[in-house]
Amino acid sequence: MFALAHNTEMIAPNEKETEIARTSQRVLAGLDLDNTQNEIHIHLHTTDNQDAEFVLPLAAVRLLLNGLQEMAKGNAVSLVPIQAELTTQQAAELLCVSRPYFIKLLEEGKIPYRTVGIYRRVKAADVLAYIREYQEQATRDMNELAEEAQRLGLY
């Protein structure tokens, strides 16, 4: 996705990392996380024979699983704090749209923003809310189209 000023690093996996992520996400996905308490105990063994044991909150394990699932598809990932403010370029990249198109969304009032000097800043939470709303509307539209196709005997 992108790197933020908050030292948030973009991770774009190479082929080997994609395969490792695929294997790792299968292992994590195989755990019954719904019936687990609020923490997971981890034993880590590195290829150079270093060992570590630690505890992760269940929420962090779910976040890790989501990241691995995206990396397994070859997608670049980045952690974005919800309270982070993004530049218009960062927000456009998060939406996978051009910066001019993103500016148009701002000017149409579809996503709130604030101005800092001459620059616009957008909360990551607002961009993510827009994505959710867009996906929900797309699902409703697809369902309507499917129903219409069934009524017309096209399906």
N, C-alpha and C. Protein backbone atom coordinates (compact mmCIF):
# COMPACT_ATOMS: atom_id res chain seq x y z
N MET A 1 0.82 -1.16 0.00
CA MET A 1 0.00 0.00 0.00
C MET A 1 0.88 1.24 0.00
N PHE A 2 1.35 1.70 1.17
CA PHE A 2 2.17 2.90 1.20
C PHE A 2 2.89 2.99 2.53
N ALA A 3 3.82 3.89 2.61
CA ALA A 3 4.51 4.14 3.87
C ALA A 3 4.03 5.47 4.43
N LEU A 4 3.80 5.49 5.71
CA LEU A 4 3.33 6.70 6.38
C LEU A 4 4.47 7.40 7.10
N ALA A 5 4.24 8.64 7.42
CA ALA A 5 5.22 9.40 8.18
C ALA A 5 5.39 8.82 9.59
N HIS A 6 4.47 7.98 10.03
CA HIS A 6 4.50 7.38 11.37
C HIS A 6 5.47 6.19 11.42
N ASN A 7 6.43 6.11 10.48
CA ASN A 7 7.36 4.99 10.38
C ASN A 7 6.63 3.68 10.11
N THR A 8 5.49 3.75 9.46
CA THR A 8 4.77 2.56 9.05
C THR A 8 5.37 2.10 7.74
N GLU A 9 5.82 0.87 7.71
CA GLU A 9 6.52 0.35 6.56
C GLU A 9 5.60 -0.44 5.66
N MET A 10 5.74 -0.24 4.36
CA MET A 10 5.01 -1.05 3.39
C MET A 10 5.80 -2.33 3.16
N ILE A 11 5.10 -3.45 3.19
CA ILE A 11 5.73 -4.74 2.94
C ILE A 11 5.16 -5.31 1.65
N ALA A 12 6.00 -5.39 0.63
CA ALA A 12 5.60 -5.99 -0.64
C ALA A 12 6.34 -7.31 -0.74
N PRO A 13 5.64 -8.43 -0.59
CA PRO A 13 6.34 -9.72 -0.53
C PRO A 13 6.90 -10.15 -1.89
N ASN A 14 8.08 -10.79 -1.84
CA ASN A 14 8.60 -11.42 -3.04
C ASN A 14 7.99 -12.82 -3.14
N GLU A 15 8.37 -13.59 -4.15
CA GLU A 15 7.76 -14.91 -4.36
C GLU A 15 7.96 -15.84 -3.17
N LYS A 16 9.17 -15.87 -2.63
CA LYS A 16 9.45 -16.76 -1.49
C LYS A 16 8.63 -16.34 -0.27
N GLU A 17 8.56 -15.03 -0.01
CA GLU A 17 7.77 -14.55 1.12
C GLU A 17 6.28 -14.84 0.93
N THR A 18 5.81 -14.77 -0.30
CA THR A 18 4.42 -15.09 -0.59
C THR A 18 4.13 -16.55 -0.25
N GLU A 19 5.03 -17.43 -0.63
CA GLU A 19 4.85 -18.85 -0.33
C GLU A 19 4.92 -19.12 1.17
N ILE A 20 5.86 -18.48 1.86
CA ILE A 20 5.96 -18.64 3.32
C ILE A 20 4.68 -18.12 3.98
N ALA A 21 4.19 -16.97 3.52
CA ALA A 21 2.95 -16.40 4.07
C ALA A 21 1.78 -17.35 3.84
N ARG A 22 1.74 -17.98 2.66
CA ARG A 22 0.66 -18.93 2.34
C ARG A 22 0.66 -20.09 3.34
N THR A 23 1.85 -20.64 3.59
CA THR A 23 1.97 -21.76 4.54
C THR A 23 1.62 -21.31 5.96
N SER A 24 2.16 -20.17 6.37
CA SER A 24 1.93 -19.67 7.73
C SER A 24 0.46 -19.34 7.98
N GLN A 25 -0.19 -18.73 6.99
CA GLN A 25 -1.59 -18.37 7.20
C GLN A 25 -2.46 -19.61 7.30
N ARG A 26 -2.09 -20.68 6.59
CA ARG A 26 -2.85 -21.94 6.71
C ARG A 26 -2.75 -22.50 8.12
N VAL A 27 -1.56 -22.43 8.71
CA VAL A 27 -1.37 -22.92 10.08
C VAL A 27 -2.20 -22.09 11.05
N LEU A 28 -2.09 -20.75 10.95
CA LEU A 28 -2.86 -19.88 11.85
C LEU A 28 -4.36 -20.03 11.63
N ALA A 29 -4.77 -20.13 10.38
CA ALA A 29 -6.20 -20.27 10.08
C ALA A 29 -6.76 -21.58 10.62
N GLY A 30 -5.88 -22.58 10.76
CA GLY A 30 -6.31 -23.87 11.28
C GLY A 30 -6.56 -23.87 12.78
N LEU A 31 -6.11 -22.84 13.47
CA LEU A 31 -6.35 -22.74 14.91
C LEU A 31 -7.79 -22.31 15.16
N ASP A 32 -8.37 -22.79 16.23
CA ASP A 32 -9.73 -22.39 16.60
C ASP A 32 -9.64 -21.14 17.46
N LEU A 33 -9.44 -20.00 16.79
CA LEU A 33 -9.25 -18.74 17.52
C LEU A 33 -10.52 -18.26 18.20
N ASP A 34 -11.69 -18.71 17.74
CA ASP A 34 -12.95 -18.28 18.34
C ASP A 34 -13.12 -18.86 19.74
N ASN A 35 -12.51 -20.00 20.01
CA ASN A 35 -12.64 -20.63 21.32
C ASN A 35 -11.39 -20.46 22.17
N THR A 36 -10.56 -19.49 21.80
CA THR A 36 -9.33 -19.22 22.52
C THR A 36 -9.56 -18.04 23.46
N GLN A 37 -8.81 -18.04 24.55
CA GLN A 37 -8.90 -16.91 25.48
C GLN A 37 -8.35 -15.67 24.79
N ASN A 38 -7.98 -14.67 25.53
CA ASN A 38 -7.55 -13.39 24.97
C ASN A 38 -6.08 -13.34 24.59
N GLU A 39 -5.38 -14.48 24.67
CA GLU A 39 -3.96 -14.46 24.35
C GLU A 39 -3.52 -15.78 23.72
N ILE A 40 -2.43 -15.70 22.97
CA ILE A 40 -1.85 -16.87 22.32
C ILE A 40 -0.37 -16.92 22.73
N HIS A 41 0.07 -18.10 23.16
CA HIS A 41 1.47 -18.29 23.53
C HIS A 41 2.22 -18.75 22.28
N ILE A 42 3.31 -18.08 21.99
CA ILE A 42 4.07 -18.33 20.77
C ILE A 42 5.47 -18.82 21.13
N HIS A 43 5.91 -19.85 20.42
CA HIS A 43 7.30 -20.28 20.51
C HIS A 43 7.90 -20.03 19.14
N LEU A 44 8.97 -19.25 19.10
CA LEU A 44 9.61 -18.85 17.85
C LEU A 44 10.99 -19.48 17.78
N HIS A 45 11.28 -20.11 16.65
CA HIS A 45 12.60 -20.69 16.40
C HIS A 45 13.08 -20.17 15.06
N THR A 46 14.22 -19.47 15.06
CA THR A 46 14.74 -18.90 13.82
C THR A 46 15.67 -19.88 13.13
N THR A 47 15.96 -19.62 11.86
CA THR A 47 16.85 -20.50 11.11
C THR A 47 18.27 -20.50 11.65
N ASP A 48 18.65 -19.48 12.41
CA ASP A 48 19.99 -19.47 13.01
C ASP A 48 19.95 -19.91 14.48
N ASN A 49 18.95 -20.75 14.80
CA ASN A 49 18.81 -21.41 16.10
C ASN A 49 18.62 -20.48 17.29
N GLN A 50 17.96 -19.37 17.07
CA GLN A 50 17.56 -18.51 18.18
C GLN A 50 16.14 -18.91 18.57
N ASP A 51 15.87 -18.93 19.86
CA ASP A 51 14.55 -19.28 20.36
C ASP A 51 14.00 -18.14 21.18
N ALA A 52 12.68 -17.97 21.12
CA ALA A 52 12.01 -16.98 21.96
C ALA A 52 10.59 -17.47 22.22
N GLU A 53 10.12 -17.17 23.40
CA GLU A 53 8.73 -17.46 23.75
C GLU A 53 8.10 -16.18 24.24
N PHE A 54 6.86 -15.93 23.79
CA PHE A 54 6.16 -14.73 24.19
C PHE A 54 4.67 -14.94 24.02
N VAL A 55 3.91 -13.97 24.50
CA VAL A 55 2.45 -14.03 24.44
C VAL A 55 1.96 -12.88 23.56
N LEU A 56 1.01 -13.18 22.69
CA LEU A 56 0.39 -12.16 21.85
C LEU A 56 -1.09 -12.05 22.20
N PRO A 57 -1.61 -10.84 22.20
CA PRO A 57 -3.07 -10.72 22.37
C PRO A 57 -3.76 -11.35 21.16
N LEU A 58 -4.92 -11.93 21.37
CA LEU A 58 -5.66 -12.58 20.30
C LEU A 58 -5.91 -11.62 19.14
N ALA A 59 -6.16 -10.36 19.45
CA ALA A 59 -6.41 -9.38 18.39
C ALA A 59 -5.18 -9.23 17.50
N ALA A 60 -3.99 -9.29 18.07
CA ALA A 60 -2.76 -9.19 17.27
C ALA A 60 -2.59 -10.41 16.38
N VAL A 61 -2.98 -11.58 16.88
CA VAL A 61 -2.90 -12.80 16.07
C VAL A 61 -3.86 -12.72 14.89
N ARG A 62 -5.06 -12.20 15.13
CA ARG A 62 -6.01 -12.02 14.02
C ARG A 62 -5.48 -11.02 12.99
N LEU A 63 -4.86 -9.96 13.47
CA LEU A 63 -4.25 -8.97 12.58
C LEU A 63 -3.13 -9.61 11.78
N LEU A 64 -2.31 -10.40 12.43
CA LEU A 64 -1.23 -11.13 11.76
C LEU A 64 -1.80 -12.06 10.69
N LEU A 65 -2.86 -12.78 11.03
CA LEU A 65 -3.49 -13.68 10.07
C LEU A 65 -4.00 -12.92 8.85
N ASN A 66 -4.64 -11.78 9.07
CA ASN A 66 -5.12 -10.96 7.94
C ASN A 66 -3.96 -10.52 7.06
N GLY A 67 -2.86 -10.08 7.68
CA GLY A 67 -1.69 -9.66 6.92
C GLY A 67 -1.09 -10.80 6.12
N LEU A 68 -0.99 -11.98 6.74
CA LEU A 68 -0.46 -13.14 6.04
C LEU A 68 -1.35 -13.55 4.87
N GLN A 69 -2.67 -13.46 5.06
CA GLN A 69 -3.59 -13.81 3.98
C GLN A 69 -3.39 -12.89 2.77
N GLU A 70 -3.18 -11.61 3.02
CA GLU A 70 -2.94 -10.68 1.92
C GLU A 70 -1.58 -10.94 1.27
N MET A 71 -0.56 -11.17 2.09
CA MET A 71 0.76 -11.47 1.55
C MET A 71 0.75 -12.76 0.75
N ALA A 72 -0.04 -13.75 1.18
CA ALA A 72 -0.16 -15.02 0.46
C ALA A 72 -0.73 -14.82 -0.94
N LYS A 73 -1.50 -13.75 -1.12
CA LYS A 73 -2.04 -13.41 -2.44
C LYS A 73 -1.06 -12.57 -3.25
N GLY A 74 0.08 -12.22 -2.62
CA GLY A 74 1.07 -11.39 -3.29
C GLY A 74 0.83 -9.90 -3.11
N ASN A 75 -0.13 -9.54 -2.26
CA ASN A 75 -0.45 -8.13 -2.04
C ASN A 75 0.51 -7.49 -1.05
N ALA A 76 0.84 -6.23 -1.31
CA ALA A 76 1.62 -5.45 -0.36
C ALA A 76 0.71 -5.08 0.80
N VAL A 77 1.26 -5.03 2.00
CA VAL A 77 0.47 -4.70 3.19
C VAL A 77 1.18 -3.63 4.01
N SER A 78 0.38 -2.93 4.80
CA SER A 78 0.90 -1.92 5.70
C SER A 78 -0.08 -1.78 6.85
N LEU A 79 0.43 -1.59 8.03
CA LEU A 79 -0.42 -1.28 9.18
C LEU A 79 -0.65 0.22 9.20
N VAL A 80 -1.89 0.62 9.27
CA VAL A 80 -2.23 2.03 9.32
C VAL A 80 -3.03 2.28 10.59
N PRO A 81 -2.48 3.03 11.53
CA PRO A 81 -3.26 3.34 12.72
C PRO A 81 -4.54 4.09 12.33
N ILE A 82 -5.65 3.69 12.91
CA ILE A 82 -6.94 4.27 12.58
C ILE A 82 -6.94 5.78 12.77
N GLN A 83 -6.26 6.26 13.80
CA GLN A 83 -6.25 7.70 14.08
C GLN A 83 -5.27 8.46 13.19
N ALA A 84 -4.51 7.77 12.36
CA ALA A 84 -3.51 8.43 11.51
C ALA A 84 -4.18 9.36 10.50
N GLU A 85 -3.50 10.44 10.23
CA GLU A 85 -3.94 11.33 9.16
C GLU A 85 -3.08 11.04 7.94
N LEU A 86 -3.72 10.96 6.81
CA LEU A 86 -3.05 10.62 5.57
C LEU A 86 -2.98 11.82 4.65
N THR A 87 -1.96 11.84 3.80
CA THR A 87 -1.93 12.82 2.73
C THR A 87 -2.92 12.34 1.67
N THR A 88 -3.24 13.20 0.74
CA THR A 88 -4.17 12.79 -0.32
C THR A 88 -3.55 11.69 -1.18
N GLN A 89 -2.24 11.70 -1.35
CA GLN A 89 -1.58 10.65 -2.12
C GLN A 89 -1.68 9.31 -1.40
N GLN A 90 -1.41 9.30 -0.10
CA GLN A 90 -1.50 8.06 0.68
C GLN A 90 -2.92 7.52 0.67
N ALA A 91 -3.90 8.40 0.85
CA ALA A 91 -5.30 7.97 0.86
C ALA A 91 -5.71 7.45 -0.51
N ALA A 92 -5.25 8.09 -1.58
CA ALA A 92 -5.57 7.62 -2.93
C ALA A 92 -4.98 6.23 -3.15
N GLU A 93 -3.77 6.01 -2.68
CA GLU A 93 -3.14 4.69 -2.81
C GLU A 93 -3.89 3.64 -2.00
N LEU A 94 -4.39 4.02 -0.83
CA LEU A 94 -5.17 3.10 -0.01
C LEU A 94 -6.44 2.68 -0.74
N LEU A 95 -7.04 3.61 -1.46
CA LEU A 95 -8.26 3.32 -2.23
C LEU A 95 -7.97 2.73 -3.61
N CYS A 96 -6.71 2.71 -4.00
CA CYS A 96 -6.30 2.24 -5.34
C CYS A 96 -6.93 3.10 -6.43
N VAL A 97 -6.89 4.40 -6.23
CA VAL A 97 -7.39 5.36 -7.23
C VAL A 97 -6.32 6.42 -7.44
N SER A 98 -6.49 7.22 -8.49
CA SER A 98 -5.55 8.30 -8.74
C SER A 98 -5.77 9.42 -7.71
N ARG A 99 -4.73 10.21 -7.50
CA ARG A 99 -4.86 11.34 -6.58
C ARG A 99 -5.91 12.33 -7.07
N PRO A 100 -5.95 12.68 -8.39
CA PRO A 100 -7.00 13.60 -8.84
C PRO A 100 -8.42 13.06 -8.59
N TYR A 101 -8.62 11.76 -8.77
CA TYR A 101 -9.94 11.19 -8.50
C TYR A 101 -10.25 11.29 -7.00
N PHE A 102 -9.24 11.05 -6.16
CA PHE A 102 -9.45 11.14 -4.71
C PHE A 102 -9.81 12.57 -4.31
N ILE A 103 -9.12 13.55 -4.90
CA ILE A 103 -9.42 14.96 -4.62
C ILE A 103 -10.88 15.25 -4.99
N LYS A 104 -11.35 14.68 -6.10
CA LYS A 104 -12.74 14.87 -6.52
C LYS A 104 -13.70 14.31 -5.46
N LEU A 105 -13.37 13.15 -4.89
CA LEU A 105 -14.21 12.58 -3.82
C LEU A 105 -14.27 13.53 -2.62
N LEU A 106 -13.13 14.14 -2.29
CA LEU A 106 -13.10 15.09 -1.18
C LEU A 106 -13.97 16.30 -1.49
N GLU A 107 -13.81 16.84 -2.69
CA GLU A 107 -14.55 18.04 -3.07
C GLU A 107 -16.05 17.78 -3.18
N GLU A 108 -16.44 16.54 -3.48
CA GLU A 108 -17.86 16.17 -3.53
C GLU A 108 -18.42 15.89 -2.14
N GLY A 109 -17.56 15.95 -1.11
CA GLY A 109 -18.02 15.74 0.26
C GLY A 109 -18.21 14.28 0.62
N LYS A 110 -17.67 13.37 -0.16
CA LYS A 110 -17.85 11.95 0.12
C LYS A 110 -16.94 11.45 1.23
N ILE A 111 -15.85 12.16 1.46
CA ILE A 111 -14.92 11.81 2.53
C ILE A 111 -14.52 13.12 3.22
N PRO A 112 -14.66 13.18 4.54
CA PRO A 112 -14.28 14.42 5.25
C PRO A 112 -12.76 14.61 5.26
N TYR A 113 -12.35 15.85 5.34
CA TYR A 113 -10.92 16.17 5.41
C TYR A 113 -10.75 17.49 6.14
N ARG A 114 -9.51 17.79 6.47
CA ARG A 114 -9.18 19.09 7.03
C ARG A 114 -8.00 19.65 6.25
N THR A 115 -7.86 20.94 6.30
CA THR A 115 -6.78 21.60 5.59
C THR A 115 -5.70 22.04 6.57
N VAL A 116 -4.46 21.72 6.24
CA VAL A 116 -3.31 22.15 7.03
C VAL A 116 -2.47 23.00 6.09
N GLY A 117 -2.56 24.31 6.26
CA GLY A 117 -1.91 25.21 5.31
C GLY A 117 -2.62 25.07 3.97
N ILE A 118 -1.88 24.64 2.97
CA ILE A 118 -2.49 24.44 1.65
C ILE A 118 -2.76 22.95 1.37
N TYR A 119 -2.46 22.10 2.35
CA TYR A 119 -2.57 20.66 2.14
C TYR A 119 -3.82 20.08 2.81
N ARG A 120 -4.40 19.09 2.18
CA ARG A 120 -5.54 18.38 2.75
C ARG A 120 -5.03 17.17 3.52
N ARG A 121 -5.67 16.89 4.65
CA ARG A 121 -5.36 15.70 5.45
C ARG A 121 -6.65 14.94 5.68
N VAL A 122 -6.56 13.62 5.61
CA VAL A 122 -7.72 12.76 5.73
C VAL A 122 -7.44 11.71 6.80
N LYS A 123 -8.41 11.47 7.66
CA LYS A 123 -8.24 10.43 8.67
C LYS A 123 -8.35 9.05 8.01
N ALA A 124 -7.45 8.17 8.40
CA ALA A 124 -7.49 6.80 7.87
C ALA A 124 -8.85 6.17 8.16
N ALA A 125 -9.42 6.45 9.33
CA ALA A 125 -10.72 5.89 9.70
C ALA A 125 -11.80 6.32 8.71
N ASP A 126 -11.74 7.57 8.23
CA ASP A 126 -12.73 8.05 7.27
C ASP A 126 -12.57 7.37 5.91
N VAL A 127 -11.33 7.15 5.51
CA VAL A 127 -11.09 6.45 4.24
C VAL A 127 -11.59 5.01 4.34
N LEU A 128 -11.31 4.36 5.45
CA LEU A 128 -11.76 2.98 5.64
C LEU A 128 -13.29 2.91 5.71
N ALA A 129 -13.92 3.90 6.33
CA ALA A 129 -15.38 3.95 6.37
C ALA A 129 -15.95 4.10 4.97
N TYR A 130 -15.31 4.93 4.14
CA TYR A 130 -15.75 5.10 2.75
C TYR A 130 -15.64 3.77 1.99
N ILE A 131 -14.54 3.05 2.20
CA ILE A 131 -14.35 1.75 1.55
C ILE A 131 -15.46 0.80 1.96
N ARG A 132 -15.77 0.73 3.26
CA ARG A 132 -16.84 -0.16 3.75
C ARG A 132 -18.17 0.21 3.12
N GLU A 133 -18.50 1.50 3.11
CA GLU A 133 -19.77 1.95 2.53
C GLU A 133 -19.83 1.63 1.04
N TYR A 134 -18.73 1.83 0.34
CA TYR A 134 -18.66 1.55 -1.09
C TYR A 134 -18.89 0.06 -1.35
N GLN A 135 -18.22 -0.80 -0.56
CA GLN A 135 -18.37 -2.24 -0.72
C GLN A 135 -19.80 -2.70 -0.40
N GLU A 136 -20.38 -2.12 0.66
CA GLU A 136 -21.76 -2.48 1.01
C GLU A 136 -22.72 -2.08 -0.10
N GLN A 137 -22.54 -0.89 -0.67
CA GLN A 137 -23.40 -0.44 -1.77
C GLN A 137 -23.20 -1.32 -3.00
N ALA A 138 -21.97 -1.69 -3.28
CA ALA A 138 -21.70 -2.57 -4.43
C ALA A 138 -22.38 -3.93 -4.24
N THR A 139 -22.37 -4.44 -3.02
CA THR A 139 -23.04 -5.72 -2.74
C THR A 139 -24.54 -5.59 -2.93
N ARG A 140 -25.12 -4.49 -2.43
CA ARG A 140 -26.56 -4.28 -2.62
C ARG A 140 -26.90 -4.18 -4.11
N ASP A 141 -26.08 -3.45 -4.87
CA ASP A 141 -26.32 -3.30 -6.30
C ASP A 141 -26.23 -4.64 -7.02
N MET A 142 -25.24 -5.45 -6.67
CA MET A 142 -25.09 -6.77 -7.30
C MET A 142 -26.27 -7.67 -6.96
N ASN A 143 -26.76 -7.61 -5.73
CA ASN A 143 -27.92 -8.42 -5.35
C ASN A 143 -29.15 -8.00 -6.14
N GLU A 144 -29.33 -6.70 -6.31
CA GLU A 144 -30.46 -6.20 -7.10
C GLU A 144 -30.37 -6.66 -8.55
N LEU A 145 -29.17 -6.61 -9.11
CA LEU A 145 -28.98 -7.06 -10.49
C LEU A 145 -29.27 -8.56 -10.62
N ALA A 146 -28.82 -9.34 -9.64
CA ALA A 146 -29.07 -10.78 -9.67
C ALA A 146 -30.56 -11.08 -9.58
N GLU A 147 -31.26 -10.35 -8.71
CA GLU A 147 -32.71 -10.53 -8.58
C GLU A 147 -33.43 -10.16 -9.88
N GLU A 148 -33.00 -9.07 -10.49
CA GLU A 148 -33.60 -8.64 -11.75
C GLU A 148 -33.35 -9.66 -12.85
N ALA A 149 -32.14 -10.21 -12.90
CA ALA A 149 -31.82 -11.23 -13.89
C ALA A 149 -32.67 -12.48 -13.69
N GLN A 150 -32.91 -12.85 -12.42
CA GLN A 150 -33.77 -14.00 -12.15
C GLN A 150 -35.21 -13.72 -12.58
N ARG A 151 -35.71 -12.52 -12.29
CA ARG A 151 -37.07 -12.16 -12.69
C ARG A 151 -37.24 -12.21 -14.20
N LEU A 152 -36.20 -11.81 -14.93
CA LEU A 152 -36.25 -11.80 -16.37
C LEU A 152 -35.90 -13.13 -17.00
N GLY A 153 -35.56 -14.10 -16.16
CA GLY A 153 -35.24 -15.43 -16.66
C GLY A 153 -33.86 -15.49 -17.32
N LEU A 154 -33.00 -14.55 -17.02
CA LEU A 154 -31.65 -14.52 -17.62
C LEU A 154 -30.64 -15.29 -16.81
N TYR A 155 -31.02 -15.71 -15.66
CA TYR A 155 -30.08 -16.35 -14.74
C TYR A 155 -30.34 -17.80 -14.61
